[in-house]
């Protein structure tokens, strides 16, 4: 199973589609628009708060609820330094695919529920990452840089206590 899933993620145009789970699955007692607004309400002056807002904005856009102008990227200076050290550019798809594989094989998802729930919540965060990467790339960033920043957004979202509470509402 592991070999097949890794190969599918590596081949897929959108790595999120290779997970075999629909993003934004049905939630018990909650709607994804509610989730998006909860994420957007976390702006507190920190980079983490801004990352959660980026995730909320992406969810609203993916749900057809309209897009707001891109927010500030307070982590951008760190990515400037990292990018200056990288001589070989990668595709944005490869960056997201590597992150998805790392998320699955870290086994951290076992603390949140079943593998089916893990795939559904990861498909959602991966779709958000792909959307955020496209937004950052449209603003002029290299594809690998945009994807790396987007993975930061998805990773901080998944690490938040808010997201852990949302995952508990995923209907199996």
N, C-alpha and C. Protein backbone atom coordinates (compact mmCIF):
# COMPACT_ATOMS: atom_id res chain seq x y z
N UNK A 1 0.83 -1.20 0.00
CA UNK A 1 0.00 0.00 0.00
C UNK A 1 0.88 1.26 0.00
N UNK A 2 1.92 1.24 0.83
CA UNK A 2 2.80 2.40 0.94
C UNK A 2 3.44 2.73 -0.40
N UNK A 3 3.97 1.72 -1.08
CA UNK A 3 4.63 1.94 -2.36
C UNK A 3 3.67 2.50 -3.39
N UNK A 4 2.47 1.95 -3.45
CA UNK A 4 1.47 2.42 -4.42
C UNK A 4 1.06 3.86 -4.14
N UNK A 5 0.82 4.19 -2.88
CA UNK A 5 0.40 5.54 -2.52
C UNK A 5 1.50 6.56 -2.81
N UNK A 6 2.73 6.24 -2.45
CA UNK A 6 3.84 7.16 -2.72
C UNK A 6 4.02 7.37 -4.22
N UNK A 7 3.90 6.31 -5.00
CA UNK A 7 4.03 6.43 -6.46
C UNK A 7 2.90 7.28 -7.03
N UNK A 8 1.69 7.10 -6.53
CA UNK A 8 0.54 7.89 -7.02
C UNK A 8 0.73 9.37 -6.69
N UNK A 9 1.20 9.66 -5.50
CA UNK A 9 1.44 11.05 -5.09
C UNK A 9 2.51 11.66 -5.98
N UNK A 10 3.56 10.90 -6.26
CA UNK A 10 4.66 11.38 -7.09
C UNK A 10 4.23 11.65 -8.53
N UNK A 11 3.31 10.85 -9.06
CA UNK A 11 2.87 10.98 -10.45
C UNK A 11 1.79 12.04 -10.66
N UNK A 12 1.02 12.31 -9.65
CA UNK A 12 -0.18 13.13 -9.81
C UNK A 12 0.14 14.57 -10.17
N UNK A 13 -0.68 15.13 -11.04
CA UNK A 13 -0.55 16.55 -11.37
C UNK A 13 -0.81 17.39 -10.11
N UNK A 14 -1.87 17.07 -9.40
CA UNK A 14 -2.16 17.67 -8.10
C UNK A 14 -2.00 16.57 -7.06
N UNK A 15 -0.95 16.62 -6.26
CA UNK A 15 -0.74 15.54 -5.29
C UNK A 15 -1.94 15.28 -4.38
N UNK A 16 -2.72 16.31 -4.07
CA UNK A 16 -3.89 16.11 -3.21
C UNK A 16 -4.86 15.10 -3.80
N UNK A 17 -4.94 15.03 -5.12
CA UNK A 17 -5.88 14.12 -5.79
C UNK A 17 -5.46 12.66 -5.67
N UNK A 18 -4.19 12.40 -5.39
CA UNK A 18 -3.68 11.03 -5.32
C UNK A 18 -4.01 10.34 -4.01
N UNK A 19 -4.54 11.06 -3.05
CA UNK A 19 -4.79 10.47 -1.74
C UNK A 19 -6.01 9.54 -1.74
N UNK A 20 -6.85 9.64 -2.74
CA UNK A 20 -8.02 8.78 -2.80
C UNK A 20 -9.11 9.16 -1.81
N UNK A 21 -9.05 10.36 -1.29
CA UNK A 21 -10.05 10.85 -0.35
C UNK A 21 -10.51 12.22 -0.83
N UNK A 22 -11.77 12.47 -0.69
CA UNK A 22 -12.30 13.77 -1.09
C UNK A 22 -11.93 14.82 -0.05
N UNK A 23 -11.40 15.96 -0.52
CA UNK A 23 -11.13 17.04 0.44
C UNK A 23 -12.45 17.63 0.94
N UNK A 24 -12.37 18.27 2.05
CA UNK A 24 -13.53 18.89 2.69
C UNK A 24 -14.68 17.88 2.85
N UNK A 25 -14.42 16.78 3.57
CA UNK A 25 -15.46 15.77 3.78
C UNK A 25 -16.59 16.32 4.66
N UNK A 26 -17.65 15.59 4.74
CA UNK A 26 -18.78 16.01 5.57
C UNK A 26 -18.32 16.12 7.03
N UNK A 27 -18.74 17.18 7.66
CA UNK A 27 -18.43 17.41 9.07
C UNK A 27 -19.70 17.27 9.89
N UNK A 28 -19.60 16.65 11.05
CA UNK A 28 -20.74 16.55 11.95
C UNK A 28 -20.91 17.87 12.70
N UNK A 29 -22.02 18.55 12.44
CA UNK A 29 -22.36 19.77 13.17
C UNK A 29 -21.58 21.01 12.78
N UNK A 30 -20.93 21.00 11.63
CA UNK A 30 -20.09 22.12 11.23
C UNK A 30 -20.04 22.17 9.72
N UNK A 31 -19.93 23.38 9.16
CA UNK A 31 -19.78 23.54 7.71
C UNK A 31 -18.37 24.04 7.43
N UNK A 32 -17.88 23.76 6.22
CA UNK A 32 -16.54 24.21 5.87
C UNK A 32 -16.44 25.73 5.79
N UNK A 33 -17.54 26.40 5.48
CA UNK A 33 -17.48 27.87 5.50
C UNK A 33 -17.26 28.36 6.94
N UNK A 34 -17.87 27.66 7.90
CA UNK A 34 -17.64 28.00 9.31
C UNK A 34 -16.17 27.82 9.67
N UNK A 35 -15.59 26.71 9.20
CA UNK A 35 -14.18 26.42 9.44
C UNK A 35 -13.32 27.54 8.87
N UNK A 36 -13.62 27.94 7.64
CA UNK A 36 -12.85 29.00 6.99
C UNK A 36 -12.90 30.29 7.81
N UNK A 37 -14.08 30.65 8.28
CA UNK A 37 -14.19 31.88 9.07
C UNK A 37 -13.50 31.75 10.43
N UNK A 38 -13.54 30.56 11.02
CA UNK A 38 -12.81 30.35 12.28
C UNK A 38 -11.31 30.53 12.07
N UNK A 39 -10.80 29.97 10.98
CA UNK A 39 -9.36 30.12 10.68
C UNK A 39 -9.01 31.59 10.43
N UNK A 40 -9.86 32.29 9.71
CA UNK A 40 -9.60 33.70 9.42
C UNK A 40 -9.67 34.57 10.67
N UNK A 41 -10.39 34.12 11.68
CA UNK A 41 -10.54 34.92 12.90
C UNK A 41 -9.34 34.82 13.83
N UNK A 42 -8.32 34.05 13.46
CA UNK A 42 -7.18 33.82 14.33
C UNK A 42 -6.05 34.83 14.16
N UNK A 43 -6.28 35.88 13.42
CA UNK A 43 -5.23 36.89 13.23
C UNK A 43 -4.97 37.56 14.57
N UNK A 44 -3.73 37.45 15.03
CA UNK A 44 -3.36 37.98 16.34
C UNK A 44 -2.01 38.71 16.30
N UNK A 45 -1.53 39.02 15.09
CA UNK A 45 -0.25 39.68 14.95
C UNK A 45 0.92 38.72 14.81
N UNK A 46 0.65 37.42 14.93
CA UNK A 46 1.72 36.43 14.79
C UNK A 46 1.72 35.86 13.37
N UNK A 47 2.84 35.30 12.97
CA UNK A 47 2.93 34.63 11.67
C UNK A 47 1.99 33.44 11.63
N UNK A 48 1.83 32.76 12.75
CA UNK A 48 0.90 31.63 12.79
C UNK A 48 -0.53 32.08 12.55
N UNK A 49 -0.93 33.15 13.17
CA UNK A 49 -2.27 33.69 12.94
C UNK A 49 -2.48 34.07 11.49
N UNK A 50 -1.46 34.68 10.89
CA UNK A 50 -1.55 35.02 9.46
C UNK A 50 -1.65 33.76 8.61
N UNK A 51 -0.90 32.71 8.95
CA UNK A 51 -0.95 31.46 8.19
C UNK A 51 -2.35 30.84 8.27
N UNK A 52 -2.95 30.85 9.45
CA UNK A 52 -4.31 30.31 9.59
C UNK A 52 -5.30 31.12 8.76
N UNK A 53 -5.11 32.44 8.72
CA UNK A 53 -5.98 33.28 7.90
C UNK A 53 -5.82 32.95 6.41
N UNK A 54 -4.58 32.70 5.98
CA UNK A 54 -4.35 32.28 4.58
C UNK A 54 -5.12 31.00 4.29
N UNK A 55 -5.10 30.05 5.24
CA UNK A 55 -5.83 28.79 5.04
C UNK A 55 -7.34 29.05 4.96
N UNK A 56 -7.84 29.92 5.81
CA UNK A 56 -9.27 30.26 5.76
C UNK A 56 -9.65 30.93 4.45
N UNK A 57 -8.79 31.84 3.99
CA UNK A 57 -9.05 32.49 2.71
C UNK A 57 -9.09 31.47 1.57
N UNK A 58 -8.14 30.53 1.59
CA UNK A 58 -8.09 29.51 0.54
C UNK A 58 -9.35 28.65 0.57
N UNK A 59 -9.77 28.23 1.75
CA UNK A 59 -11.00 27.43 1.85
C UNK A 59 -12.20 28.18 1.28
N UNK A 60 -12.33 29.45 1.64
CA UNK A 60 -13.46 30.23 1.11
C UNK A 60 -13.40 30.30 -0.41
N UNK A 61 -12.23 30.54 -0.95
CA UNK A 61 -12.09 30.58 -2.40
C UNK A 61 -12.43 29.25 -3.04
N UNK A 62 -11.96 28.16 -2.46
CA UNK A 62 -12.25 26.83 -2.99
C UNK A 62 -13.74 26.49 -2.91
N UNK A 63 -14.40 27.06 -1.93
CA UNK A 63 -15.84 26.84 -1.76
C UNK A 63 -16.68 27.78 -2.63
N UNK A 64 -16.00 28.65 -3.39
CA UNK A 64 -16.71 29.59 -4.26
C UNK A 64 -17.29 30.77 -3.52
N UNK A 65 -16.76 31.05 -2.36
CA UNK A 65 -17.27 32.15 -1.54
C UNK A 65 -16.55 33.46 -1.81
N UNK A 66 -15.74 33.50 -2.84
CA UNK A 66 -15.02 34.73 -3.17
C UNK A 66 -13.64 34.76 -2.58
N UNK A 67 -12.81 35.53 -3.20
CA UNK A 67 -11.41 35.64 -2.77
C UNK A 67 -11.16 37.04 -2.26
N UNK A 68 -10.33 37.14 -1.26
CA UNK A 68 -9.89 38.44 -0.78
C UNK A 68 -8.48 38.65 -1.31
N UNK A 69 -8.01 39.86 -1.36
CA UNK A 69 -6.63 40.10 -1.81
C UNK A 69 -5.65 39.32 -0.93
N UNK A 70 -4.53 38.94 -1.51
CA UNK A 70 -3.53 38.18 -0.76
C UNK A 70 -3.09 38.95 0.48
N UNK A 71 -2.92 38.24 1.55
CA UNK A 71 -2.49 38.82 2.81
C UNK A 71 -0.97 38.98 2.83
N UNK A 72 -0.48 39.65 3.85
CA UNK A 72 0.97 39.77 4.03
C UNK A 72 1.53 38.39 4.36
N UNK A 73 2.79 38.20 4.08
CA UNK A 73 3.49 36.94 4.33
C UNK A 73 4.64 37.24 5.30
N UNK A 74 4.37 37.27 6.62
CA UNK A 74 5.39 37.68 7.57
C UNK A 74 6.59 36.74 7.62
N UNK A 75 6.45 35.55 7.10
CA UNK A 75 7.54 34.58 7.07
C UNK A 75 8.42 34.75 5.83
N UNK A 76 8.07 35.65 4.95
CA UNK A 76 8.72 35.81 3.65
C UNK A 76 10.24 36.04 3.75
N UNK A 77 10.69 36.80 4.72
CA UNK A 77 12.12 37.08 4.85
C UNK A 77 12.91 35.80 5.10
N UNK A 78 12.34 34.89 5.87
CA UNK A 78 13.01 33.61 6.11
C UNK A 78 13.12 32.81 4.82
N UNK A 79 12.08 32.85 4.02
CA UNK A 79 12.12 32.13 2.74
C UNK A 79 13.05 32.81 1.75
N UNK A 80 13.21 34.14 1.86
CA UNK A 80 14.20 34.83 1.04
C UNK A 80 15.59 34.27 1.32
N UNK A 81 15.92 34.12 2.61
CA UNK A 81 17.24 33.60 2.99
C UNK A 81 17.41 32.16 2.50
N UNK A 82 16.40 31.35 2.68
CA UNK A 82 16.48 29.96 2.24
C UNK A 82 16.63 29.86 0.74
N UNK A 83 15.86 30.65 0.01
CA UNK A 83 15.92 30.59 -1.44
C UNK A 83 17.30 30.98 -1.95
N UNK A 84 17.94 31.92 -1.27
CA UNK A 84 19.27 32.35 -1.71
C UNK A 84 20.31 31.23 -1.58
N UNK A 85 20.03 30.22 -0.78
CA UNK A 85 20.95 29.10 -0.58
C UNK A 85 20.67 27.91 -1.51
N UNK A 86 19.59 27.98 -2.27
CA UNK A 86 19.18 26.85 -3.10
C UNK A 86 19.60 27.12 -4.54
N UNK A 87 20.40 26.23 -5.07
CA UNK A 87 20.87 26.44 -6.45
C UNK A 87 19.98 25.74 -7.47
N UNK A 88 19.29 24.69 -7.05
CA UNK A 88 18.47 23.92 -7.98
C UNK A 88 16.99 24.14 -7.66
N UNK A 89 16.27 24.66 -8.62
CA UNK A 89 14.83 24.89 -8.44
C UNK A 89 14.08 23.58 -8.63
N UNK A 90 13.07 23.37 -7.80
CA UNK A 90 12.20 22.20 -7.91
C UNK A 90 10.83 22.65 -8.38
N UNK A 91 10.00 21.73 -8.77
CA UNK A 91 8.63 22.09 -9.11
C UNK A 91 7.84 22.27 -7.81
N UNK A 92 6.84 23.10 -7.87
CA UNK A 92 5.97 23.27 -6.72
C UNK A 92 5.24 21.97 -6.39
N UNK A 93 4.86 21.23 -7.42
CA UNK A 93 4.18 19.95 -7.23
C UNK A 93 5.04 19.00 -6.42
N UNK A 94 6.35 18.96 -6.72
CA UNK A 94 7.26 18.07 -5.99
C UNK A 94 7.37 18.46 -4.52
N UNK A 95 7.38 19.74 -4.24
CA UNK A 95 7.45 20.21 -2.84
C UNK A 95 6.21 19.75 -2.08
N UNK A 96 5.04 19.94 -2.66
CA UNK A 96 3.80 19.52 -1.99
C UNK A 96 3.74 18.00 -1.86
N UNK A 97 4.15 17.28 -2.90
CA UNK A 97 4.14 15.81 -2.86
C UNK A 97 5.04 15.29 -1.74
N UNK A 98 6.23 15.87 -1.58
CA UNK A 98 7.14 15.45 -0.51
C UNK A 98 6.52 15.71 0.86
N UNK A 99 5.87 16.85 1.00
CA UNK A 99 5.23 17.17 2.28
C UNK A 99 4.11 16.18 2.59
N UNK A 100 3.29 15.85 1.60
CA UNK A 100 2.20 14.88 1.82
C UNK A 100 2.78 13.54 2.27
N UNK A 101 3.81 13.06 1.59
CA UNK A 101 4.43 11.79 1.97
C UNK A 101 4.96 11.86 3.40
N UNK A 102 5.61 12.96 3.75
CA UNK A 102 6.12 13.12 5.11
C UNK A 102 4.99 13.10 6.14
N UNK A 103 3.89 13.75 5.82
CA UNK A 103 2.74 13.78 6.73
C UNK A 103 2.19 12.37 6.96
N UNK A 104 2.07 11.60 5.91
CA UNK A 104 1.53 10.25 6.05
C UNK A 104 2.47 9.38 6.87
N UNK A 105 3.74 9.38 6.50
CA UNK A 105 4.66 8.43 7.11
C UNK A 105 5.21 8.90 8.45
N UNK A 106 4.88 10.11 8.88
CA UNK A 106 5.27 10.53 10.23
C UNK A 106 4.42 9.82 11.28
N UNK A 107 3.28 9.33 10.87
CA UNK A 107 2.32 8.62 11.73
C UNK A 107 1.70 9.52 12.80
N UNK A 108 1.92 10.81 12.73
CA UNK A 108 1.30 11.73 13.69
C UNK A 108 -0.22 11.68 13.58
N UNK A 109 -0.72 11.38 12.39
CA UNK A 109 -2.16 11.30 12.16
C UNK A 109 -2.84 10.27 13.05
N UNK A 110 -2.09 9.30 13.56
CA UNK A 110 -2.70 8.26 14.38
C UNK A 110 -3.29 8.82 15.67
N UNK A 111 -2.86 10.01 16.06
CA UNK A 111 -3.41 10.64 17.27
C UNK A 111 -4.76 11.29 16.99
N UNK A 112 -5.14 11.41 15.70
CA UNK A 112 -6.37 12.12 15.34
C UNK A 112 -7.51 11.20 14.94
N UNK A 113 -7.21 9.94 14.64
CA UNK A 113 -8.28 9.04 14.22
C UNK A 113 -7.78 8.03 13.22
N UNK A 114 -8.69 7.51 12.45
CA UNK A 114 -8.40 6.44 11.50
C UNK A 114 -7.60 6.95 10.29
N UNK A 115 -7.10 6.01 9.50
CA UNK A 115 -6.38 6.37 8.28
C UNK A 115 -7.32 7.07 7.30
N UNK A 116 -8.59 6.66 7.27
CA UNK A 116 -9.57 7.32 6.38
C UNK A 116 -9.73 8.79 6.76
N UNK A 117 -9.83 9.07 8.04
CA UNK A 117 -9.93 10.46 8.51
C UNK A 117 -8.64 11.20 8.18
N UNK A 118 -7.50 10.55 8.38
CA UNK A 118 -6.21 11.17 8.07
C UNK A 118 -6.14 11.56 6.60
N UNK A 119 -6.55 10.68 5.71
CA UNK A 119 -6.49 10.98 4.28
C UNK A 119 -7.43 12.12 3.92
N UNK A 120 -8.62 12.15 4.53
CA UNK A 120 -9.58 13.22 4.23
C UNK A 120 -9.08 14.57 4.72
N UNK A 121 -8.54 14.62 5.93
CA UNK A 121 -8.07 15.90 6.45
C UNK A 121 -6.80 16.33 5.72
N UNK A 122 -5.95 15.37 5.34
CA UNK A 122 -4.73 15.71 4.60
C UNK A 122 -5.07 16.15 3.19
N UNK A 123 -6.05 15.52 2.57
CA UNK A 123 -6.49 15.96 1.23
C UNK A 123 -6.99 17.40 1.30
N UNK A 124 -7.64 17.76 2.39
CA UNK A 124 -8.13 19.13 2.55
C UNK A 124 -6.97 20.10 2.71
N UNK A 125 -6.03 19.79 3.61
CA UNK A 125 -4.89 20.68 3.80
C UNK A 125 -4.01 20.75 2.56
N UNK A 126 -3.88 19.64 1.85
CA UNK A 126 -3.07 19.64 0.62
C UNK A 126 -3.72 20.50 -0.45
N UNK A 127 -5.04 20.42 -0.58
CA UNK A 127 -5.74 21.27 -1.53
C UNK A 127 -5.57 22.74 -1.17
N UNK A 128 -5.64 23.05 0.12
CA UNK A 128 -5.39 24.41 0.59
C UNK A 128 -3.97 24.82 0.22
N UNK A 129 -2.99 23.94 0.45
CA UNK A 129 -1.60 24.26 0.12
C UNK A 129 -1.44 24.54 -1.37
N UNK A 130 -2.06 23.73 -2.21
CA UNK A 130 -1.97 23.93 -3.65
C UNK A 130 -2.59 25.27 -4.05
N UNK A 131 -3.69 25.62 -3.41
CA UNK A 131 -4.34 26.90 -3.70
C UNK A 131 -3.48 28.08 -3.23
N UNK A 132 -2.95 27.98 -2.03
CA UNK A 132 -2.09 29.05 -1.50
C UNK A 132 -0.84 29.19 -2.37
N UNK A 133 -0.26 28.06 -2.78
CA UNK A 133 0.93 28.11 -3.64
C UNK A 133 0.63 28.84 -4.94
N UNK A 134 -0.52 28.57 -5.53
CA UNK A 134 -0.90 29.25 -6.78
C UNK A 134 -1.03 30.75 -6.55
N UNK A 135 -1.60 31.14 -5.42
CA UNK A 135 -1.75 32.57 -5.11
C UNK A 135 -0.39 33.24 -4.95
N UNK A 136 0.51 32.60 -4.22
CA UNK A 136 1.84 33.18 -3.99
C UNK A 136 2.65 33.20 -5.29
N UNK A 137 2.49 32.17 -6.11
CA UNK A 137 3.19 32.14 -7.39
C UNK A 137 2.69 33.26 -8.31
N UNK A 138 1.38 33.50 -8.30
CA UNK A 138 0.83 34.60 -9.11
C UNK A 138 1.39 35.94 -8.67
N UNK A 139 1.79 36.04 -7.41
CA UNK A 139 2.38 37.28 -6.88
C UNK A 139 3.85 37.43 -7.28
N UNK A 140 4.40 36.41 -7.98
CA UNK A 140 5.74 36.53 -8.51
C UNK A 140 6.79 35.60 -7.91
N UNK A 141 6.40 34.75 -6.97
CA UNK A 141 7.38 33.84 -6.36
C UNK A 141 7.67 32.66 -7.28
N UNK A 142 8.88 32.10 -7.15
CA UNK A 142 9.22 30.87 -7.86
C UNK A 142 8.26 29.77 -7.42
N UNK A 143 7.96 28.81 -8.30
CA UNK A 143 7.02 27.74 -7.93
C UNK A 143 7.43 26.95 -6.69
N UNK A 144 8.70 26.62 -6.54
CA UNK A 144 9.11 25.85 -5.37
C UNK A 144 9.03 26.70 -4.10
N UNK A 145 9.35 27.95 -4.22
CA UNK A 145 9.26 28.87 -3.08
C UNK A 145 7.80 29.05 -2.68
N UNK A 146 6.92 29.25 -3.66
CA UNK A 146 5.49 29.42 -3.37
C UNK A 146 4.95 28.17 -2.68
N UNK A 147 5.33 27.00 -3.17
CA UNK A 147 4.86 25.75 -2.57
C UNK A 147 5.40 25.58 -1.15
N UNK A 148 6.65 25.94 -0.92
CA UNK A 148 7.22 25.83 0.42
C UNK A 148 6.48 26.74 1.41
N UNK A 149 6.17 27.94 0.98
CA UNK A 149 5.40 28.84 1.85
C UNK A 149 4.00 28.27 2.09
N UNK A 150 3.42 27.69 1.06
CA UNK A 150 2.08 27.11 1.20
C UNK A 150 2.09 25.90 2.13
N UNK A 151 3.14 25.12 2.08
CA UNK A 151 3.27 23.99 3.00
C UNK A 151 3.37 24.49 4.43
N UNK A 152 4.05 25.60 4.64
CA UNK A 152 4.09 26.21 5.97
C UNK A 152 2.67 26.52 6.45
N UNK A 153 1.87 27.10 5.57
CA UNK A 153 0.48 27.41 5.93
C UNK A 153 -0.27 26.14 6.32
N UNK A 154 -0.15 25.10 5.49
CA UNK A 154 -0.86 23.85 5.74
C UNK A 154 -0.35 23.16 7.01
N UNK A 155 0.94 23.22 7.23
CA UNK A 155 1.54 22.58 8.40
C UNK A 155 1.10 23.28 9.69
N UNK A 156 1.15 24.61 9.71
CA UNK A 156 0.71 25.35 10.90
C UNK A 156 -0.78 25.16 11.14
N UNK A 157 -1.55 25.07 10.07
CA UNK A 157 -2.98 24.82 10.22
C UNK A 157 -3.20 23.47 10.90
N UNK A 158 -2.52 22.44 10.40
CA UNK A 158 -2.68 21.10 10.97
C UNK A 158 -2.20 20.99 12.40
N UNK A 159 -1.24 21.80 12.78
CA UNK A 159 -0.70 21.76 14.14
C UNK A 159 -1.55 22.54 15.14
N UNK A 160 -2.48 23.33 14.65
CA UNK A 160 -3.28 24.18 15.55
C UNK A 160 -4.33 23.37 16.31
N UNK A 161 -4.60 23.79 17.53
CA UNK A 161 -5.64 23.13 18.31
C UNK A 161 -7.00 23.31 17.65
N UNK A 162 -7.19 24.43 16.98
CA UNK A 162 -8.44 24.66 16.25
C UNK A 162 -8.65 23.56 15.21
N UNK A 163 -7.62 23.26 14.41
CA UNK A 163 -7.75 22.24 13.37
C UNK A 163 -7.98 20.85 13.98
N UNK A 164 -7.31 20.56 15.07
CA UNK A 164 -7.51 19.26 15.72
C UNK A 164 -8.97 19.10 16.15
N UNK A 165 -9.57 20.18 16.61
CA UNK A 165 -10.99 20.13 16.96
C UNK A 165 -11.87 19.91 15.74
N UNK A 166 -11.49 20.50 14.62
CA UNK A 166 -12.26 20.34 13.38
C UNK A 166 -12.16 18.90 12.88
N UNK A 167 -10.96 18.33 12.95
CA UNK A 167 -10.77 16.95 12.51
C UNK A 167 -11.68 16.00 13.28
N UNK A 168 -11.93 16.30 14.54
CA UNK A 168 -12.83 15.46 15.35
C UNK A 168 -14.25 15.46 14.79
N UNK A 169 -14.61 16.44 13.95
CA UNK A 169 -15.95 16.51 13.37
C UNK A 169 -16.05 15.80 12.01
N UNK A 170 -14.94 15.28 11.50
CA UNK A 170 -15.00 14.60 10.19
C UNK A 170 -15.83 13.34 10.34
N UNK A 171 -16.84 13.25 9.47
CA UNK A 171 -17.74 12.09 9.48
C UNK A 171 -17.10 10.95 8.70
N UNK A 172 -16.98 9.80 9.35
CA UNK A 172 -16.38 8.64 8.66
C UNK A 172 -17.43 7.89 7.88
